[in-house]
Amino acid sequence: MILLSDPQVARIPVQDCGEPLAEIASAPEITLDSRERDEEGAYGRVRAGVLERLRAASEKLPEGVRFLVVEGHRSSAEQARRFALYEDRLRGSGVTDPAELRRRASAFVSPVEVAPHCAGAALDLTLVDADGVELDMGGAVNGHRTGDEKYCPLDAPGLSDRARRNRDLLARNMVDAGFVNYPTEWWHWSYGDRYWALITEADSALYGPA
């Protein structure tokens, strides 16, 4: 498994295509959650091309199922804050080597210099039914914050049949739209960033920090 702290990710060149950030709320078929709302409203934006792909994926969902986006863009300052907090949590559990801290922290929070969210290229999302109730995914979005790391990976063992089917539905529609998953987080999908470029063997990333 390639983590975001891997030097391979940082070596990917960026040729930003200049797409602006777009408001997720402008797509009525997609629900925007407020749990990660920030003062500037950045969480509700992604690059225009990312939103277009998400809308295309939404069209292929079964009737009565919708995407619920928890977070899109994230400022570099907020990314750095979250990374430092997670490193502090790991130190509290006995991890002291700086390289190991960085590697383990990057399983759930990207180093700021390669962060897909900072590029407006990433979406944290799940599925909801027609009443807005989240489908059973076998674990919560950002489950690592509550010690639920076991069920965070997309292919986590021990999931119920229902949770597995729902994750497969999410994955199938996102992959078909061109997104890649960060395998430690079933809810995290990106397009056009450095990690996407590495996984898809693109020559360069389409989006740098936004």
C-alpha atoms as a PDB file:
ATOM      1  CA  MET A   1       0.000   0.000   0.000  1.00  0.00           C
ATOM      2  CA  ILE A   2       1.377   3.411  -0.999  1.00  0.00           C
ATOM      3  CA  LEU A   3       0.832   6.082   1.656  1.00  0.00           C
ATOM      4  CA  LEU A   4       0.762   9.813   0.998  1.00  0.00           C
ATOM      5  CA  SER A   5       4.053  10.217   2.860  1.00  0.00           C
ATOM      6  CA  ASP A   6       5.817   8.017   0.307  1.00  0.00           C
ATOM      7  CA  PRO A   7       8.492  10.006  -1.585  1.00  0.00           C
ATOM      8  CA  GLN A   8       7.008   8.704  -4.834  1.00  0.00           C
ATOM      9  CA  VAL A   9       3.995  10.969  -4.288  1.00  0.00           C
ATOM     10  CA  ALA A  10       6.045  14.116  -3.704  1.00  0.00           C
ATOM     11  CA  ARG A  11       8.115  13.426  -6.829  1.00  0.00           C
ATOM     12  CA  ILE A  12       5.065  13.677  -9.087  1.00  0.00           C
ATOM     13  CA  PRO A  13       5.212  17.012 -10.962  1.00  0.00           C
ATOM     14  CA  VAL A  14       2.230  19.351 -10.931  1.00  0.00           C
ATOM     15  CA  GLN A  15       0.945  21.108 -14.042  1.00  0.00           C
ATOM     16  CA  ASP A  16      -2.064  22.911 -12.650  1.00  0.00           C
ATOM     17  CA  CYS A  17      -4.742  23.267 -15.292  1.00  0.00           C
ATOM     18  CA  GLY A  18      -6.138  26.396 -13.651  1.00  0.00           C
ATOM     19  CA  GLU A  19      -9.649  25.133 -12.989  1.00  0.00           C
ATOM     20  CA  PRO A  20     -11.478  27.180 -10.365  1.00  0.00           C
ATOM     21  CA  LEU A  21     -13.067  25.799  -7.238  1.00  0.00           C
ATOM     22  CA  ALA A  22     -16.786  25.126  -7.647  1.00  0.00           C
ATOM     23  CA  GLU A  23     -19.555  25.023  -5.073  1.00  0.00           C
ATOM     24  CA  ILE A  24     -20.753  21.489  -4.387  1.00  0.00           C
ATOM     25  CA  ALA A  25     -24.105  22.942  -3.324  1.00  0.00           C
ATOM     26  CA  SER A  26     -24.647  24.035  -6.940  1.00  0.00           C
ATOM     27  CA  ALA A  27     -25.353  20.374  -7.767  1.00  0.00           C
ATOM     28  CA  PRO A  28     -28.861  19.706  -6.416  1.00  0.00           C
ATOM     29  CA  GLU A  29     -28.544  15.947  -6.842  1.00  0.00           C
ATOM     30  CA  ILE A  30     -25.680  15.848  -4.298  1.00  0.00           C
ATOM     31  CA  THR A  31     -26.145  16.470  -0.577  1.00  0.00           C
ATOM     32  CA  LEU A  32     -23.572  18.559   1.292  1.00  0.00           C
ATOM     33  CA  ASP A  33     -23.182  17.715   4.969  1.00  0.00           C
ATOM     34  CA  SER A  34     -22.239  20.408   7.501  1.00  0.00           C
ATOM     35  CA  ARG A  35     -20.197  18.448  10.064  1.00  0.00           C
ATOM     36  CA  GLU A  36     -16.857  19.727   8.689  1.00  0.00           C
ATOM     37  CA  ARG A  37     -18.033  23.251   7.885  1.00  0.00           C
ATOM     38  CA  ASP A  38     -15.328  25.911   8.234  1.00  0.00           C
ATOM     39  CA  GLU A  39     -15.719  29.687   8.479  1.00  0.00           C
ATOM     40  CA  GLU A  40     -14.765  30.278   4.850  1.00  0.00           C
ATOM     41  CA  GLY A  41     -16.971  27.492   3.512  1.00  0.00           C
ATOM     42  CA  ALA A  42     -13.996  25.834   1.824  1.00  0.00           C
ATOM     43  CA  TYR A  43     -15.262  22.385   2.782  1.00  0.00           C
ATOM     44  CA  GLY A  44     -18.096  22.821   0.296  1.00  0.00           C
ATOM     45  CA  ARG A  45     -15.880  23.401  -2.740  1.00  0.00           C
ATOM     46  CA  VAL A  46     -13.849  21.240  -5.123  1.00  0.00           C
ATOM     47  CA  ARG A  47     -12.284  21.828  -8.524  1.00  0.00           C
ATOM     48  CA  ALA A  48     -14.853  22.219 -11.262  1.00  0.00           C
ATOM     49  CA  GLY A  49     -13.708  19.044 -13.012  1.00  0.00           C
ATOM     50  CA  VAL A  50     -13.962  17.066  -9.798  1.00  0.00           C
ATOM     51  CA  LEU A  51     -17.536  18.219  -9.305  1.00  0.00           C
ATOM     52  CA  GLU A  52     -18.399  17.333 -12.897  1.00  0.00           C
ATOM     53  CA  ARG A  53     -17.111  13.800 -12.353  1.00  0.00           C
ATOM     54  CA  LEU A  54     -19.014  13.469  -9.100  1.00  0.00           C
ATOM     55  CA  ARG A  55     -22.214  14.539 -10.841  1.00  0.00           C
ATOM     56  CA  ALA A  56     -21.588  11.930 -13.542  1.00  0.00           C
ATOM     57  CA  ALA A  57     -21.110   9.271 -10.852  1.00  0.00           C
ATOM     58  CA  SER A  58     -24.292  10.413  -9.125  1.00  0.00           C
ATOM     59  CA  GLU A  59     -26.321   9.773 -12.275  1.00  0.00           C
ATOM     60  CA  LYS A  60     -25.422   6.079 -12.102  1.00  0.00           C
ATOM     61  CA  LEU A  61     -26.476   5.531  -8.495  1.00  0.00           C
ATOM     62  CA  PRO A  62     -29.623   3.439  -7.918  1.00  0.00           C
ATOM     63  CA  GLU A  63     -32.871   5.328  -7.493  1.00  0.00           C
ATOM     64  CA  GLY A  64     -33.238   6.568  -3.927  1.00  0.00           C
ATOM     65  CA  VAL A  65     -29.480   6.670  -3.224  1.00  0.00           C
ATOM     66  CA  ARG A  66     -27.456   9.901  -3.156  1.00  0.00           C
ATOM     67  CA  PHE A  67     -23.941  11.043  -2.403  1.00  0.00           C
ATOM     68  CA  LEU A  68     -23.432  12.839   0.891  1.00  0.00           C
ATOM     69  CA  VAL A  69     -20.257  14.949   0.719  1.00  0.00           C
ATOM     70  CA  VAL A  70     -18.679  15.570   4.111  1.00  0.00           C
ATOM     71  CA  GLU A  71     -15.684  17.613   2.984  1.00  0.00           C
ATOM     72  CA  GLY A  72     -14.012  18.912  -0.147  1.00  0.00           C
ATOM     73  CA  HIS A  73     -11.370  21.630  -0.148  1.00  0.00           C
ATOM     74  CA  ARG A  74      -9.243  22.257   2.935  1.00  0.00           C
ATOM     75  CA  SER A  75      -6.800  25.090   3.539  1.00  0.00           C
ATOM     76  CA  SER A  76      -3.104  24.346   3.934  1.00  0.00           C
ATOM     77  CA  ALA A  77      -3.190  25.789   7.455  1.00  0.00           C
ATOM     78  CA  GLU A  78      -6.021  23.481   8.474  1.00  0.00           C
ATOM     79  CA  GLN A  79      -4.287  20.506   6.873  1.00  0.00           C
ATOM     80  CA  ALA A  80      -1.093  21.249   8.790  1.00  0.00           C
ATOM     81  CA  ARG A  81      -3.067  21.610  12.029  1.00  0.00           C
ATOM     82  CA  ARG A  82      -4.763  18.235  11.581  1.00  0.00           C
ATOM     83  CA  PHE A  83      -1.499  16.519  10.684  1.00  0.00           C
ATOM     84  CA  ALA A  84       0.204  17.896  13.799  1.00  0.00           C
ATOM     85  CA  LEU A  85      -2.713  16.824  15.983  1.00  0.00           C
ATOM     86  CA  TYR A  86      -2.578  13.276  14.679  1.00  0.00           C
ATOM     87  CA  GLU A  87       1.174  13.131  15.182  1.00  0.00           C
ATOM     88  CA  ASP A  88       0.614  14.257  18.773  1.00  0.00           C
ATOM     89  CA  ARG A  89      -1.917  11.479  19.235  1.00  0.00           C
ATOM     90  CA  LEU A  90       0.593   8.932  17.954  1.00  0.00           C
ATOM     91  CA  ARG A  91       3.291  10.286  20.265  1.00  0.00           C
ATOM     92  CA  GLY A  92       0.896   9.730  23.126  1.00  0.00           C
ATOM     93  CA  SER A  93       0.673   6.072  22.143  1.00  0.00           C
ATOM     94  CA  GLY A  94       4.453   5.701  22.262  1.00  0.00           C
ATOM     95  CA  VAL A  95       5.595   6.471  18.695  1.00  0.00           C
ATOM     96  CA  THR A  96       8.622   8.775  18.855  1.00  0.00           C
ATOM     97  CA  ASP A  97      10.695   8.267  15.693  1.00  0.00           C
ATOM     98  CA  PRO A  98      10.024  11.267  13.399  1.00  0.00           C
ATOM     99  CA  ALA A  99       9.992   9.203  10.196  1.00  0.00           C
ATOM    100  CA  GLU A 100       7.636   6.647  11.690  1.00  0.00           C
ATOM    101  CA  LEU A 101       5.403   9.400  13.054  1.00  0.00           C
ATOM    102  CA  ARG A 102       5.128  10.921   9.589  1.00  0.00           C
ATOM    103  CA  ARG A 103       4.454   7.567   7.946  1.00  0.00           C
ATOM    104  CA  ARG A 104       1.787   6.481  10.419  1.00  0.00           C
ATOM    105  CA  ALA A 105       0.103   9.874  10.548  1.00  0.00           C
ATOM    106  CA  SER A 106      -0.167   9.902   6.756  1.00  0.00           C
ATOM    107  CA  ALA A 107      -2.383   6.838   6.881  1.00  0.00           C
ATOM    108  CA  PHE A 108      -5.220   9.161   7.867  1.00  0.00           C
ATOM    109  CA  VAL A 109      -3.969  12.748   7.412  1.00  0.00           C
ATOM    110  CA  SER A 110      -1.893  13.750   4.403  1.00  0.00           C
ATOM    111  CA  PRO A 111       1.322  15.751   4.733  1.00  0.00           C
ATOM    112  CA  VAL A 112       0.324  19.249   3.699  1.00  0.00           C
ATOM    113  CA  GLU A 113       2.675  19.503   0.715  1.00  0.00           C
ATOM    114  CA  VAL A 114       0.916  16.671  -1.159  1.00  0.00           C
ATOM    115  CA  ALA A 115      -2.560  16.876   0.383  1.00  0.00           C
ATOM    116  CA  PRO A 116      -5.332  16.134  -2.138  1.00  0.00           C
ATOM    117  CA  HIS A 117      -7.862  18.191  -0.152  1.00  0.00           C
ATOM    118  CA  CYS A 118      -5.643  21.281  -0.350  1.00  0.00           C
ATOM    119  CA  ALA A 119      -5.665  20.951  -4.142  1.00  0.00           C
ATOM    120  CA  GLY A 120      -9.458  20.857  -4.244  1.00  0.00           C
ATOM    121  CA  ALA A 121      -9.066  17.388  -5.721  1.00  0.00           C
ATOM    122  CA  ALA A 122     -10.471  15.221  -2.933  1.00  0.00           C
ATOM    123  CA  LEU A 123     -13.871  14.327  -1.578  1.00  0.00           C
ATOM    124  CA  ASP A 124     -14.761  12.698   1.725  1.00  0.00           C
ATOM    125  CA  LEU A 125     -18.176  11.229   1.083  1.00  0.00           C
ATOM    126  CA  THR A 126     -20.656   8.467   1.772  1.00  0.00           C
ATOM    127  CA  LEU A 127     -24.099   7.339   0.599  1.00  0.00           C
ATOM    128  CA  VAL A 128     -27.543   8.224   1.939  1.00  0.00           C
ATOM    129  CA  ASP A 129     -31.048   6.999   1.195  1.00  0.00           C
ATOM    130  CA  ALA A 130     -33.974   9.088  -0.031  1.00  0.00           C
ATOM    131  CA  ASP A 131     -34.637  10.284   3.528  1.00  0.00           C
ATOM    132  CA  GLY A 132     -31.052  11.419   4.006  1.00  0.00           C
ATOM    133  CA  VAL A 133     -30.144   8.532   6.301  1.00  0.00           C
ATOM    134  CA  GLU A 134     -26.583   7.304   5.852  1.00  0.00           C
ATOM    135  CA  LEU A 135     -26.281   3.787   4.500  1.00  0.00           C
ATOM    136  CA  ASP A 136     -24.465   1.151   6.526  1.00  0.00           C
ATOM    137  CA  MET A 137     -20.841   1.366   5.421  1.00  0.00           C
ATOM    138  CA  GLY A 138     -19.437  -0.690   8.278  1.00  0.00           C
ATOM    139  CA  GLY A 139     -17.790   2.328   9.896  1.00  0.00           C
ATOM    140  CA  ALA A 140     -18.143   6.083  10.085  1.00  0.00           C
ATOM    141  CA  VAL A 141     -16.541   8.696   7.881  1.00  0.00           C
ATOM    142  CA  ASN A 142     -13.366   9.782   9.700  1.00  0.00           C
ATOM    143  CA  GLY A 143     -13.659   6.756  11.944  1.00  0.00           C
ATOM    144  CA  HIS A 144      -9.967   7.070  12.822  1.00  0.00           C
ATOM    145  CA  ARG A 145     -10.866  10.004  15.069  1.00  0.00           C
ATOM    146  CA  THR A 146     -12.858   7.743  17.359  1.00  0.00           C
ATOM    147  CA  GLY A 147     -10.462   4.809  17.403  1.00  0.00           C
ATOM    148  CA  ASP A 148     -12.352   2.886  14.704  1.00  0.00           C
ATOM    149  CA  GLU A 149      -9.276   2.379  12.498  1.00  0.00           C
ATOM    150  CA  LYS A 150     -10.039  -1.314  12.014  1.00  0.00           C
ATOM    151  CA  TYR A 151     -12.946  -0.595   9.677  1.00  0.00           C
ATOM    152  CA  CYS A 152     -11.496   2.457   7.918  1.00  0.00           C
ATOM    153  CA  PRO A 153      -9.741   0.687   5.009  1.00  0.00           C
ATOM    154  CA  LEU A 154     -11.921   0.194   1.946  1.00  0.00           C
ATOM    155  CA  ASP A 155     -11.246  -3.558   2.017  1.00  0.00           C
ATOM    156  CA  ALA A 156     -11.452  -3.906   5.814  1.00  0.00           C
ATOM    157  CA  PRO A 157     -12.173  -7.479   6.957  1.00  0.00           C
ATOM    158  CA  GLY A 158     -15.146  -8.358   9.118  1.00  0.00           C
ATOM    159  CA  LEU A 159     -17.730  -6.156   7.392  1.00  0.00           C
ATOM    160  CA  SER A 160     -21.337  -7.260   7.184  1.00  0.00           C
ATOM    161  CA  ASP A 161     -22.678  -8.268   3.784  1.00  0.00           C
ATOM    162  CA  ARG A 162     -24.749  -5.078   3.673  1.00  0.00           C
ATOM    163  CA  ALA A 163     -21.801  -2.829   4.463  1.00  0.00           C
ATOM    164  CA  ARG A 164     -19.674  -4.601   1.867  1.00  0.00           C
ATOM    165  CA  ARG A 165     -22.345  -4.154  -0.792  1.00  0.00           C
ATOM    166  CA  ASN A 166     -22.661  -0.459   0.020  1.00  0.00           C
ATOM    167  CA  ARG A 167     -18.908   0.080  -0.119  1.00  0.00           C
ATOM    168  CA  ASP A 168     -18.787  -1.775  -3.411  1.00  0.00           C
ATOM    169  CA  LEU A 169     -21.551   0.469  -4.774  1.00  0.00           C
ATOM    170  CA  LEU A 170     -19.663   3.581  -3.721  1.00  0.00           C
ATOM    171  CA  ALA A 171     -16.384   2.298  -5.133  1.00  0.00           C
ATOM    172  CA  ARG A 172     -17.833   1.142  -8.429  1.00  0.00           C
ATOM    173  CA  ASN A 173     -19.419   4.512  -9.189  1.00  0.00           C
ATOM    174  CA  MET A 174     -16.408   6.542  -8.111  1.00  0.00           C
ATOM    175  CA  VAL A 175     -13.910   4.409 -10.045  1.00  0.00           C
ATOM    176  CA  ASP A 176     -16.079   4.530 -13.157  1.00  0.00           C
ATOM    177  CA  ALA A 177     -15.992   8.335 -12.926  1.00  0.00           C
ATOM    178  CA  GLY A 178     -12.190   8.358 -12.788  1.00  0.00           C
ATOM    179  CA  PHE A 179     -11.572   8.753  -9.059  1.00  0.00           C
ATOM    180  CA  VAL A 180      -9.032   6.814  -7.018  1.00  0.00           C
ATOM    181  CA  ASN A 181      -9.451   5.747  -3.421  1.00  0.00           C
ATOM    182  CA  TYR A 182      -6.958   6.257  -0.616  1.00  0.00           C
ATOM    183  CA  PRO A 183      -7.087   2.652   0.610  1.00  0.00           C
ATOM    184  CA  THR A 184      -6.826   3.405   4.342  1.00  0.00           C
ATOM    185  CA  GLU A 185     -10.025   5.492   4.149  1.00  0.00           C
ATOM    186  CA  TRP A 186     -13.095   4.072   2.407  1.00  0.00           C
ATOM    187  CA  TRP A 187     -14.643   7.566   2.254  1.00  0.00           C
ATOM    188  CA  HIS A 188     -11.719   9.400   0.588  1.00  0.00           C
ATOM    189  CA  TRP A 189     -11.668   9.714  -3.209  1.00  0.00           C
ATOM    190  CA  SER A 190      -9.654  12.025  -5.409  1.00  0.00           C
ATOM    191  CA  TYR A 191      -9.034  13.011  -8.992  1.00  0.00           C
ATOM    192  CA  GLY A 192      -6.240  15.078 -10.509  1.00  0.00           C
ATOM    193  CA  ASP A 193      -3.915  15.300  -7.494  1.00  0.00           C
ATOM    194  CA  ARG A 194      -0.447  13.824  -7.075  1.00  0.00           C
ATOM    195  CA  TYR A 195      -1.685  10.615  -5.481  1.00  0.00           C
ATOM    196  CA  TRP A 196      -4.167  10.111  -8.332  1.00  0.00           C
ATOM    197  CA  ALA A 197      -1.364  10.715 -10.843  1.00  0.00           C
ATOM    198  CA  LEU A 198       0.860   8.115  -9.192  1.00  0.00           C
ATOM    199  CA  ILE A 199      -1.853   5.463  -9.039  1.00  0.00           C
ATOM    200  CA  THR A 200      -3.085   6.069 -12.601  1.00  0.00           C
ATOM    201  CA  GLU A 201       0.461   6.513 -13.974  1.00  0.00           C
ATOM    202  CA  ALA A 202      -0.338   9.979 -15.317  1.00  0.00           C
ATOM    203  CA  ASP A 203       2.644  12.130 -16.291  1.00  0.00           C
ATOM    204  CA  SER A 204       1.713  14.858 -13.817  1.00  0.00           C
ATOM    205  CA  ALA A 205      -0.959  16.054 -11.430  1.00  0.00           C
ATOM    206  CA  LEU A 206      -3.651  18.339 -12.825  1.00  0.00           C
ATOM    207  CA  TYR A 207      -4.195  20.241  -9.590  1.00  0.00           C
ATOM    208  CA  GLY A 208      -1.798  21.825  -7.129  1.00  0.00           C
ATOM    209  CA  PRO A 209      -2.670  23.711  -3.927  1.00  0.00           C
ATOM    210  CA  ALA A 210      -5.789  25.795  -4.492  1.00  0.00           C
END
